[in-house]
């Protein structure tokens, strides 16, 4: 029986030198699929490139992480929705989303609103 890793950020710069080795070790450990939640607008392209290189093994998600909800977040949110709704990309889910008040509560209300909005995307687009 294989496993699914439902949350990995191996597209981040920290993995640029050993990403292939990480994937190899995951496969050797029995991981059959890896789901990659997006965190912000800037991380979409590296995530999509890595998924394209590893089609059928890595699966992209799209969403705005609560820590990235700050000044100007609405532009990022609109662009993400456009990408999701276009069906041009093979996003399997909306993520990484939620509430995160560990570091700051500065955007407390905005985090709730954005979370609800992104849940709406998931419902609307399926």
Protein backbone atom coordinates (compact mmCIF):
# COMPACT_ATOMS: atom_id res chain seq x y z
CA UNK A 1 0.00 0.00 0.00
CA UNK A 2 1.34 3.41 -0.96
CA UNK A 3 1.07 6.74 0.78
CA UNK A 4 0.06 10.26 -0.22
CA UNK A 5 1.92 13.26 1.15
CA UNK A 6 -0.86 15.85 1.38
CA UNK A 7 1.31 18.85 2.25
CA UNK A 8 4.77 19.54 0.90
CA UNK A 9 6.56 22.75 -0.10
CA UNK A 10 9.44 21.18 -2.02
CA UNK A 11 9.16 23.93 -4.64
CA UNK A 12 10.57 26.42 -2.11
CA UNK A 13 14.15 27.72 -2.59
CA UNK A 14 15.38 25.66 0.36
CA UNK A 15 15.00 22.54 -1.79
CA UNK A 16 16.61 23.81 -4.99
CA UNK A 17 19.79 21.79 -4.50
CA UNK A 18 18.27 18.49 -3.38
CA UNK A 19 14.67 18.41 -4.64
CA UNK A 20 15.32 15.45 -6.94
CA UNK A 21 16.84 13.52 -4.03
CA UNK A 22 13.87 14.38 -1.81
CA UNK A 23 11.49 13.05 -4.46
CA UNK A 24 13.58 9.92 -4.95
CA UNK A 25 13.60 9.21 -1.21
CA UNK A 26 9.85 9.80 -0.98
CA UNK A 27 9.24 7.29 -3.79
CA UNK A 28 11.55 4.78 -2.12
CA UNK A 29 9.57 5.21 1.11
CA UNK A 30 6.33 4.33 -0.70
CA UNK A 31 4.92 7.80 -1.33
CA UNK A 32 2.84 7.53 -4.53
CA UNK A 33 1.64 11.13 -4.77
CA UNK A 34 2.66 14.48 -3.30
CA UNK A 35 0.27 17.42 -3.04
CA UNK A 36 1.86 20.88 -3.11
CA UNK A 37 -0.09 23.73 -1.51
CA UNK A 38 0.75 27.15 -2.85
CA UNK A 39 1.35 30.00 -0.40
CA UNK A 40 1.49 33.23 -2.42
CA UNK A 41 1.57 34.60 -5.94
CA UNK A 42 5.36 34.32 -6.23
CA UNK A 43 5.42 30.62 -5.43
CA UNK A 44 2.97 29.57 -8.15
CA UNK A 45 5.44 29.44 -11.04
CA UNK A 46 8.14 27.40 -9.27
CA UNK A 47 5.46 25.02 -8.00
CA UNK A 48 3.93 24.59 -11.47
CA UNK A 49 7.35 24.03 -13.05
CA UNK A 50 8.21 21.33 -10.54
CA UNK A 51 4.82 19.66 -11.00
CA UNK A 52 5.25 19.73 -14.78
CA UNK A 53 8.65 18.08 -14.43
CA UNK A 54 7.10 15.40 -12.18
CA UNK A 55 3.67 14.98 -13.78
CA UNK A 56 1.64 12.19 -12.24
CA UNK A 57 3.60 12.39 -8.99
CA UNK A 58 3.41 16.04 -7.84
CA UNK A 59 0.05 17.81 -7.82
CA UNK A 60 -0.39 21.60 -7.45
CA UNK A 61 -2.88 23.48 -5.32
CA UNK A 62 -3.54 27.21 -5.35
CA UNK A 63 -4.34 29.52 -2.49
CA UNK A 64 -3.18 32.46 -0.43
CA UNK A 65 -1.62 31.46 2.88
CA UNK A 66 -2.90 33.54 5.81
CA UNK A 67 0.60 34.87 6.54
CA UNK A 68 0.60 36.40 3.05
CA UNK A 69 -2.55 38.40 3.70
CA UNK A 70 -1.15 41.89 3.97
CA UNK A 71 -1.20 45.18 2.07
CA UNK A 72 -2.27 44.56 -1.54
CA UNK A 73 -3.39 40.97 -0.96
CA UNK A 74 -6.54 41.47 -3.04
CA UNK A 75 -4.54 41.68 -6.28
CA UNK A 76 -2.87 38.34 -5.55
CA UNK A 77 -6.22 36.82 -4.65
CA UNK A 78 -7.81 38.01 -7.92
CA UNK A 79 -4.93 36.61 -10.00
CA UNK A 80 -5.11 33.29 -8.20
CA UNK A 81 -8.84 33.04 -8.78
CA UNK A 82 -8.38 33.80 -12.48
CA UNK A 83 -5.78 31.04 -12.75
CA UNK A 84 -8.00 28.57 -10.92
CA UNK A 85 -11.13 29.43 -12.89
CA UNK A 86 -9.34 29.33 -16.25
CA UNK A 87 -8.95 25.53 -16.10
CA UNK A 88 -5.62 26.09 -17.89
CA UNK A 89 -3.78 24.66 -14.90
CA UNK A 90 -4.29 21.31 -13.22
CA UNK A 91 -4.87 22.49 -9.66
CA UNK A 92 -6.30 19.68 -7.56
CA UNK A 93 -7.43 21.81 -4.63
CA UNK A 94 -7.52 25.23 -3.03
CA UNK A 95 -4.68 25.49 -0.55
CA UNK A 96 -2.85 26.52 1.51
CA UNK A 97 -5.58 28.47 3.21
CA UNK A 98 -6.91 29.00 6.70
CA UNK A 99 -6.24 31.18 9.71
CA UNK A 100 -2.83 31.75 11.24
CA UNK A 101 -2.62 34.05 14.23
CA UNK A 102 0.64 32.67 15.61
CA UNK A 103 2.92 35.49 14.39
CA UNK A 104 0.48 38.39 14.20
CA UNK A 105 -3.18 39.26 14.51
CA UNK A 106 -2.81 42.40 12.42
CA UNK A 107 -5.02 41.08 9.59
CA UNK A 108 -7.40 39.15 11.83
CA UNK A 109 -10.64 40.04 10.03
CA UNK A 110 -9.07 39.85 6.57
CA UNK A 111 -7.87 36.29 7.26
CA UNK A 112 -11.43 35.22 8.03
CA UNK A 113 -12.79 36.92 4.92
CA UNK A 114 -10.11 35.50 2.61
CA UNK A 115 -10.55 32.02 4.05
CA UNK A 116 -14.29 32.14 3.38
CA UNK A 117 -13.67 33.47 -0.12
CA UNK A 118 -11.26 30.66 -0.96
CA UNK A 119 -13.64 28.04 0.44
CA UNK A 120 -16.18 29.57 -1.95
CA UNK A 121 -13.75 28.97 -4.84
CA UNK A 122 -13.46 25.32 -3.92
CA UNK A 123 -17.23 24.93 -3.81
CA UNK A 124 -17.79 26.90 -7.03
CA UNK A 125 -15.12 25.17 -9.11
CA UNK A 126 -15.32 21.78 -7.47
